[in-house]
């Protein structure tokens, strides 16, 4: 990877990284909420 990335390339890479992380966090949160809901129904 070249050291001299344009500002746009850097922004795109950062945006992609943050976006991926956010998706993972939302999935984890959704799974947690879903499991809690199932537990309430079962108990």
N, C-alpha and C. Protein backbone atom coordinates (compact mmCIF):
# COMPACT_ATOMS: atom_id res chain seq x y z
N UNK A 1 0.85 -1.19 0.00
CA UNK A 1 0.00 0.00 0.00
C UNK A 1 0.89 1.24 0.00
N UNK A 2 0.59 2.18 -0.85
CA UNK A 2 1.43 3.39 -0.93
C UNK A 2 1.17 4.28 0.28
N UNK A 3 2.21 4.95 0.72
CA UNK A 3 2.09 5.83 1.89
C UNK A 3 1.25 7.05 1.57
N UNK A 4 1.32 7.49 0.31
CA UNK A 4 0.62 8.71 -0.06
C UNK A 4 -0.77 8.40 -0.61
N UNK A 5 -1.70 8.19 0.28
CA UNK A 5 -3.09 7.99 -0.13
C UNK A 5 -3.72 9.36 -0.25
N UNK A 6 -4.60 9.50 -1.21
CA UNK A 6 -5.30 10.78 -1.32
C UNK A 6 -6.27 10.90 -0.14
N UNK A 7 -6.68 12.11 0.14
CA UNK A 7 -7.61 12.34 1.25
C UNK A 7 -8.91 11.55 1.03
N UNK A 8 -9.34 11.49 -0.23
CA UNK A 8 -10.58 10.78 -0.54
C UNK A 8 -10.43 9.28 -0.27
N UNK A 9 -9.32 8.71 -0.70
CA UNK A 9 -9.07 7.29 -0.46
C UNK A 9 -9.06 6.99 1.03
N UNK A 10 -8.42 7.86 1.79
CA UNK A 10 -8.33 7.68 3.24
C UNK A 10 -9.73 7.75 3.86
N UNK A 11 -10.52 8.71 3.41
CA UNK A 11 -11.88 8.87 3.92
C UNK A 11 -12.74 7.65 3.57
N UNK A 12 -12.60 7.15 2.36
CA UNK A 12 -13.36 5.97 1.94
C UNK A 12 -12.98 4.75 2.76
N UNK A 13 -11.69 4.57 3.02
CA UNK A 13 -11.23 3.43 3.81
C UNK A 13 -11.75 3.52 5.23
N UNK A 14 -11.70 4.70 5.80
CA UNK A 14 -12.17 4.92 7.16
C UNK A 14 -13.68 4.69 7.24
N UNK A 15 -14.40 5.19 6.25
CA UNK A 15 -15.85 5.05 6.21
C UNK A 15 -16.23 3.57 6.11
N UNK A 16 -15.50 2.84 5.29
CA UNK A 16 -15.76 1.41 5.14
C UNK A 16 -15.51 0.67 6.45
N UNK A 17 -14.46 1.03 7.14
CA UNK A 17 -14.11 0.39 8.41
C UNK A 17 -15.17 0.69 9.46
N UNK A 18 -15.56 1.94 9.59
CA UNK A 18 -16.58 2.34 10.57
C UNK A 18 -17.92 1.69 10.22
N UNK A 19 -18.27 1.69 8.94
CA UNK A 19 -19.54 1.11 8.52
C UNK A 19 -19.62 -0.37 8.86
N UNK A 20 -18.52 -1.08 8.64
CA UNK A 20 -18.49 -2.51 8.93
C UNK A 20 -18.64 -2.75 10.42
N UNK A 21 -17.93 -1.94 11.21
CA UNK A 21 -17.98 -2.06 12.66
C UNK A 21 -19.38 -1.78 13.18
N UNK A 22 -20.02 -0.77 12.60
CA UNK A 22 -21.37 -0.39 13.01
C UNK A 22 -22.34 -1.52 12.70
N UNK A 23 -22.23 -2.12 11.50
CA UNK A 23 -23.09 -3.24 11.14
C UNK A 23 -22.95 -4.38 12.13
N UNK A 24 -21.71 -4.68 12.51
CA UNK A 24 -21.46 -5.76 13.47
C UNK A 24 -22.09 -5.44 14.82
N UNK A 25 -21.98 -4.20 15.26
CA UNK A 25 -22.55 -3.80 16.54
C UNK A 25 -24.07 -3.92 16.52
N UNK A 26 -24.67 -3.51 15.42
CA UNK A 26 -26.14 -3.59 15.28
C UNK A 26 -26.57 -5.06 15.28
N UNK A 27 -25.85 -5.92 14.57
CA UNK A 27 -26.17 -7.35 14.54
C UNK A 27 -26.09 -7.94 15.94
N UNK A 28 -25.04 -7.60 16.67
CA UNK A 28 -24.85 -8.12 18.02
C UNK A 28 -25.98 -7.65 18.93
N UNK A 29 -26.32 -6.39 18.83
CA UNK A 29 -27.39 -5.82 19.63
C UNK A 29 -28.72 -6.50 19.29
N UNK A 30 -28.98 -6.69 18.01
CA UNK A 30 -30.21 -7.32 17.56
C UNK A 30 -30.30 -8.75 18.12
N UNK A 31 -29.19 -9.50 18.02
CA UNK A 31 -29.16 -10.88 18.53
C UNK A 31 -29.45 -10.88 20.02
N UNK A 32 -28.84 -9.97 20.75
CA UNK A 32 -29.01 -9.90 22.20
C UNK A 32 -30.48 -9.64 22.55
N UNK A 33 -31.07 -8.65 21.88
CA UNK A 33 -32.47 -8.30 22.13
C UNK A 33 -33.37 -9.49 21.78
N UNK A 34 -33.08 -10.14 20.68
CA UNK A 34 -33.87 -11.28 20.23
C UNK A 34 -33.81 -12.42 21.24
N UNK A 35 -32.61 -12.70 21.75
CA UNK A 35 -32.44 -13.76 22.75
C UNK A 35 -33.20 -13.41 24.03
N UNK A 36 -33.13 -12.16 24.46
CA UNK A 36 -33.85 -11.73 25.65
C UNK A 36 -35.35 -11.95 25.47
N UNK A 37 -35.84 -11.66 24.28
CA UNK A 37 -37.26 -11.79 23.99
C UNK A 37 -37.67 -13.27 24.06
N UNK A 38 -36.83 -14.14 23.50
CA UNK A 38 -37.12 -15.58 23.52
C UNK A 38 -37.12 -16.08 24.97
N UNK A 39 -36.16 -15.63 25.78
CA UNK A 39 -36.09 -16.05 27.18
C UNK A 39 -37.37 -15.68 27.92
N UNK A 40 -37.88 -14.48 27.67
CA UNK A 40 -39.10 -14.04 28.33
C UNK A 40 -40.28 -14.91 27.95
N UNK A 41 -40.34 -15.32 26.69
CA UNK A 41 -41.45 -16.16 26.21
C UNK A 41 -41.35 -17.54 26.86
N UNK A 42 -40.14 -18.08 26.95
CA UNK A 42 -39.93 -19.43 27.49
C UNK A 42 -40.20 -19.47 28.99
N UNK A 43 -39.71 -18.47 29.72
CA UNK A 43 -39.83 -18.49 31.19
C UNK A 43 -41.24 -18.13 31.66
